């Protein structure tokens, strides 16, 4: 796949998330990928706010 296409998909997803007022969960911390458990913690925090 071309990098340009992936960049456009990424930018489009950020636009849609902002437009629909979705929360964003970052999967990386600077250049390092975060652990699944760490990402899960963020997701649980966000979902608990909604319940």
PDB file of N, CA and C in Angstrom:
ATOM      1  N   UNK A   1       0.839  -1.186   0.000  1.00  0.00           N
ATOM      2  CA  UNK A   1       0.000   0.000   0.000  1.00  0.00           C
ATOM      3  C   UNK A   1       0.876   1.239   0.000  1.00  0.00           C
ATOM      4  N   UNK A   2       0.340   2.250  -0.554  1.00  0.00           N
ATOM      5  CA  UNK A   2       1.091   3.490  -0.593  1.00  0.00           C
ATOM      6  C   UNK A   2       0.925   4.250   0.714  1.00  0.00           C
ATOM      7  N   UNK A   3       1.979   4.871   1.138  1.00  0.00           N
ATOM      8  CA  UNK A   3       1.981   5.644   2.377  1.00  0.00           C
ATOM      9  C   UNK A   3       0.999   6.805   2.283  1.00  0.00           C
ATOM     10  N   UNK A   4       0.892   7.405   1.109  1.00  0.00           N
ATOM     11  CA  UNK A   4      -0.021   8.534   0.932  1.00  0.00           C
ATOM     12  C   UNK A   4      -1.459   8.113   1.204  1.00  0.00           C
ATOM     13  N   UNK A   5      -1.842   6.942   0.725  1.00  0.00           N
ATOM     14  CA  UNK A   5      -3.191   6.432   0.944  1.00  0.00           C
ATOM     15  C   UNK A   5      -3.445   6.209   2.427  1.00  0.00           C
ATOM     16  N   UNK A   6      -2.497   5.573   3.107  1.00  0.00           N
ATOM     17  CA  UNK A   6      -2.658   5.322   4.537  1.00  0.00           C
ATOM     18  C   UNK A   6      -2.737   6.623   5.329  1.00  0.00           C
ATOM     19  N   UNK A   7      -1.973   7.612   4.931  1.00  0.00           N
ATOM     20  CA  UNK A   7      -2.023   8.916   5.588  1.00  0.00           C
ATOM     21  C   UNK A   7      -3.399   9.554   5.402  1.00  0.00           C
ATOM     22  N   UNK A   8      -3.949   9.438   4.209  1.00  0.00           N
ATOM     23  CA  UNK A   8      -5.272  10.009   3.929  1.00  0.00           C
ATOM     24  C   UNK A   8      -6.353   9.285   4.737  1.00  0.00           C
ATOM     25  N   UNK A   9      -6.250   7.980   4.853  1.00  0.00           N
ATOM     26  CA  UNK A   9      -7.196   7.211   5.663  1.00  0.00           C
ATOM     27  C   UNK A   9      -7.119   7.641   7.124  1.00  0.00           C
ATOM     28  N   UNK A  10      -5.922   7.808   7.634  1.00  0.00           N
ATOM     29  CA  UNK A  10      -5.719   8.239   9.010  1.00  0.00           C
ATOM     30  C   UNK A  10      -6.341   9.612   9.245  1.00  0.00           C
ATOM     31  N   UNK A  11      -6.061  10.545   8.358  1.00  0.00           N
ATOM     32  CA  UNK A  11      -6.606  11.890   8.492  1.00  0.00           C
ATOM     33  C   UNK A  11      -8.131  11.888   8.406  1.00  0.00           C
ATOM     34  N   UNK A  12      -8.670  11.068   7.531  1.00  0.00           N
ATOM     35  CA  UNK A  12     -10.133  10.957   7.418  1.00  0.00           C
ATOM     36  C   UNK A  12     -10.748  10.396   8.686  1.00  0.00           C
ATOM     37  N   UNK A  13     -10.097   9.417   9.275  1.00  0.00           N
ATOM     38  CA  UNK A  13     -10.630   8.825  10.511  1.00  0.00           C
ATOM     39  C   UNK A  13     -10.608   9.833  11.659  1.00  0.00           C
ATOM     40  N   UNK A  14      -9.583  10.665  11.720  1.00  0.00           N
ATOM     41  CA  UNK A  14      -9.537  11.711  12.745  1.00  0.00           C
ATOM     42  C   UNK A  14     -10.648  12.731  12.528  1.00  0.00           C
ATOM     43  N   UNK A  15     -10.913  13.079  11.276  1.00  0.00           N
ATOM     44  CA  UNK A  15     -11.983  14.024  10.965  1.00  0.00           C
ATOM     45  C   UNK A  15     -13.335  13.467  11.399  1.00  0.00           C
ATOM     46  N   UNK A  16     -13.603  12.219  11.038  1.00  0.00           N
ATOM     47  CA  UNK A  16     -14.880  11.593  11.393  1.00  0.00           C
ATOM     48  C   UNK A  16     -15.032  11.480  12.909  1.00  0.00           C
ATOM     49  N   UNK A  17     -13.977  11.088  13.588  1.00  0.00           N
ATOM     50  CA  UNK A  17     -14.022  10.970  15.051  1.00  0.00           C
ATOM     51  C   UNK A  17     -14.329  12.319  15.689  1.00  0.00           C
ATOM     52  N   UNK A  18     -13.724  13.369  15.177  1.00  0.00           N
ATOM     53  CA  UNK A  18     -13.990  14.709  15.700  1.00  0.00           C
ATOM     54  C   UNK A  18     -15.422  15.129  15.382  1.00  0.00           C
ATOM     55  N   UNK A  19     -15.857  14.900  14.175  1.00  0.00           N
ATOM     56  CA  UNK A  19     -17.194  15.285  13.732  1.00  0.00           C
ATOM     57  C   UNK A  19     -18.282  14.592  14.548  1.00  0.00           C
ATOM     58  N   UNK A  20     -18.068  13.325  14.871  1.00  0.00           N
ATOM     59  CA  UNK A  20     -19.051  12.545  15.628  1.00  0.00           C
ATOM     60  C   UNK A  20     -18.802  12.602  17.130  1.00  0.00           C
ATOM     61  N   UNK A  21     -17.813  13.394  17.530  1.00  0.00           N
ATOM     62  CA  UNK A  21     -17.478  13.570  18.939  1.00  0.00           C
ATOM     63  C   UNK A  21     -17.068  12.252  19.613  1.00  0.00           C
ATOM     64  N   UNK A  22     -16.299  11.453  18.889  1.00  0.00           N
ATOM     65  CA  UNK A  22     -15.787  10.201  19.438  1.00  0.00           C
ATOM     66  C   UNK A  22     -14.545  10.494  20.281  1.00  0.00           C
ATOM     67  N   UNK A  23     -14.280   9.631  21.222  1.00  0.00           N
ATOM     68  CA  UNK A  23     -13.041   9.719  21.989  1.00  0.00           C
ATOM     69  C   UNK A  23     -11.931   9.033  21.207  1.00  0.00           C
ATOM     70  N   UNK A  24     -10.731   9.539  21.371  1.00  0.00           N
ATOM     71  CA  UNK A  24      -9.580   8.958  20.688  1.00  0.00           C
ATOM     72  C   UNK A  24      -8.680   8.281  21.705  1.00  0.00           C
ATOM     73  N   UNK A  25      -8.305   7.052  21.421  1.00  0.00           N
ATOM     74  CA  UNK A  25      -7.388   6.311  22.278  1.00  0.00           C
ATOM     75  C   UNK A  25      -6.094   6.119  21.490  1.00  0.00           C
ATOM     76  N   UNK A  26      -5.044   6.695  22.010  1.00  0.00           N
ATOM     77  CA  UNK A  26      -3.740   6.597  21.347  1.00  0.00           C
ATOM     78  C   UNK A  26      -3.144   5.209  21.599  1.00  0.00           C
ATOM     79  N   UNK A  27      -2.634   4.609  20.547  1.00  0.00           N
ATOM     80  CA  UNK A  27      -2.025   3.280  20.659  1.00  0.00           C
ATOM     81  C   UNK A  27      -0.510   3.347  20.754  1.00  0.00           C
ATOM     82  N   UNK A  28       0.011   4.558  20.686  1.00  0.00           N
ATOM     83  CA  UNK A  28       1.453   4.714  20.829  1.00  0.00           C
ATOM     84  C   UNK A  28       1.745   5.854  21.792  1.00  0.00           C
ATOM     85  N   UNK A  29       2.924   5.805  22.344  1.00  0.00           N
ATOM     86  CA  UNK A  29       3.409   6.844  23.234  1.00  0.00           C
ATOM     87  C   UNK A  29       4.711   7.337  22.630  1.00  0.00           C
ATOM     88  N   UNK A  30       4.636   8.457  21.936  1.00  0.00           N
ATOM     89  CA  UNK A  30       5.735   8.949  21.105  1.00  0.00           C
ATOM     90  C   UNK A  30       6.000   7.927  20.010  1.00  0.00           C
ATOM     91  N   UNK A  31       7.120   7.292  20.011  1.00  0.00           N
ATOM     92  CA  UNK A  31       7.453   6.323  18.970  1.00  0.00           C
ATOM     93  C   UNK A  31       7.231   4.874  19.411  1.00  0.00           C
ATOM     94  N   UNK A  32       6.876   4.661  20.671  1.00  0.00           N
ATOM     95  CA  UNK A  32       6.709   3.311  21.205  1.00  0.00           C
ATOM     96  C   UNK A  32       5.241   2.894  21.212  1.00  0.00           C
ATOM     97  N   UNK A  33       4.974   1.672  20.782  1.00  0.00           N
ATOM     98  CA  UNK A  33       3.616   1.139  20.892  1.00  0.00           C
ATOM     99  C   UNK A  33       3.294   0.870  22.355  1.00  0.00           C
ATOM    100  N   UNK A  34       2.072   1.188  22.749  1.00  0.00           N
ATOM    101  CA  UNK A  34       1.643   0.922  24.118  1.00  0.00           C
ATOM    102  C   UNK A  34       1.203  -0.531  24.226  1.00  0.00           C
ATOM    103  N   UNK A  35       1.237  -1.063  25.425  1.00  0.00           N
ATOM    104  CA  UNK A  35       0.817  -2.450  25.624  1.00  0.00           C
ATOM    105  C   UNK A  35      -0.706  -2.543  25.500  1.00  0.00           C
ATOM    106  N   UNK A  36      -1.184  -3.715  25.182  1.00  0.00           N
ATOM    107  CA  UNK A  36      -2.624  -3.954  25.078  1.00  0.00           C
ATOM    108  C   UNK A  36      -3.299  -3.641  26.402  1.00  0.00           C
ATOM    109  N   UNK A  37      -2.681  -4.020  27.494  1.00  0.00           N
ATOM    110  CA  UNK A  37      -3.258  -3.779  28.821  1.00  0.00           C
ATOM    111  C   UNK A  37      -3.375  -2.277  29.104  1.00  0.00           C
ATOM    112  N   UNK A  38      -2.380  -1.528  28.690  1.00  0.00           N
ATOM    113  CA  UNK A  38      -2.389  -0.092  28.902  1.00  0.00           C
ATOM    114  C   UNK A  38      -3.478   0.586  28.076  1.00  0.00           C
ATOM    115  N   UNK A  39      -3.635   0.171  26.849  1.00  0.00           N
ATOM    116  CA  UNK A  39      -4.690   0.703  25.982  1.00  0.00           C
ATOM    117  C   UNK A  39      -6.050   0.321  26.542  1.00  0.00           C
ATOM    118  N   UNK A  40      -6.160  -0.903  27.015  1.00  0.00           N
ATOM    119  CA  UNK A  40      -7.416  -1.376  27.598  1.00  0.00           C
ATOM    120  C   UNK A  40      -7.831  -0.515  28.793  1.00  0.00           C
ATOM    121  N   UNK A  41      -6.880  -0.110  29.603  1.00  0.00           N
ATOM    122  CA  UNK A  41      -7.182   0.755  30.750  1.00  0.00           C
ATOM    123  C   UNK A  41      -7.844   2.053  30.296  1.00  0.00           C
ATOM    124  N   UNK A  42      -7.306   2.646  29.244  1.00  0.00           N
ATOM    125  CA  UNK A  42      -7.887   3.889  28.721  1.00  0.00           C
ATOM    126  C   UNK A  42      -9.307   3.659  28.205  1.00  0.00           C
ATOM    127  N   UNK A  43      -9.509   2.548  27.508  1.00  0.00           N
ATOM    128  CA  UNK A  43     -10.840   2.241  26.987  1.00  0.00           C
ATOM    129  C   UNK A  43     -11.830   2.037  28.124  1.00  0.00           C
ATOM    130  N   UNK A  44     -11.419   1.318  29.151  1.00  0.00           N
ATOM    131  CA  UNK A  44     -12.303   1.090  30.298  1.00  0.00           C
ATOM    132  C   UNK A  44     -12.657   2.402  31.005  1.00  0.00           C
ATOM    133  N   UNK A  45     -11.695   3.289  31.142  1.00  0.00           N
ATOM    134  CA  UNK A  45     -11.959   4.592  31.766  1.00  0.00           C
ATOM    135  C   UNK A  45     -13.003   5.364  30.974  1.00  0.00           C
ATOM    136  N   UNK A  46     -12.871   5.341  29.655  1.00  0.00           N
ATOM    137  CA  UNK A  46     -13.822   6.063  28.808  1.00  0.00           C
ATOM    138  C   UNK A  46     -15.224   5.440  28.870  1.00  0.00           C
ATOM    139  N   UNK A  47     -15.286   4.118  28.871  1.00  0.00           N
ATOM    140  CA  UNK A  47     -16.600   3.470  28.888  1.00  0.00           C
ATOM    141  C   UNK A  47     -17.281   3.619  30.238  1.00  0.00           C
ATOM    142  N   UNK A  48     -16.508   3.638  31.308  1.00  0.00           N
ATOM    143  CA  UNK A  48     -17.101   3.835  32.632  1.00  0.00           C
ATOM    144  C   UNK A  48     -17.770   5.198  32.761  1.00  0.00           C
ATOM    145  N   UNK A  49     -17.232   6.192  32.080  1.00  0.00           N
ATOM    146  CA  UNK A  49     -17.844   7.528  32.087  1.00  0.00           C
ATOM    147  C   UNK A  49     -19.225   7.510  31.451  1.00  0.00           C
ATOM    148  N   UNK A  50     -19.435   6.597  30.503  1.00  0.00           N
ATOM    149  CA  UNK A  50     -20.691   6.538  29.790  1.00  0.00           C
ATOM    150  C   UNK A  50     -21.751   5.706  30.496  1.00  0.00           C
ATOM    151  N   UNK A  51     -21.326   4.865  31.427  1.00  0.00           N
ATOM    152  CA  UNK A  51     -22.273   3.970  32.102  1.00  0.00           C
ATOM    153  C   UNK A  51     -22.891   4.608  33.317  1.00  0.00           C
TER     154      UNK A  51
END
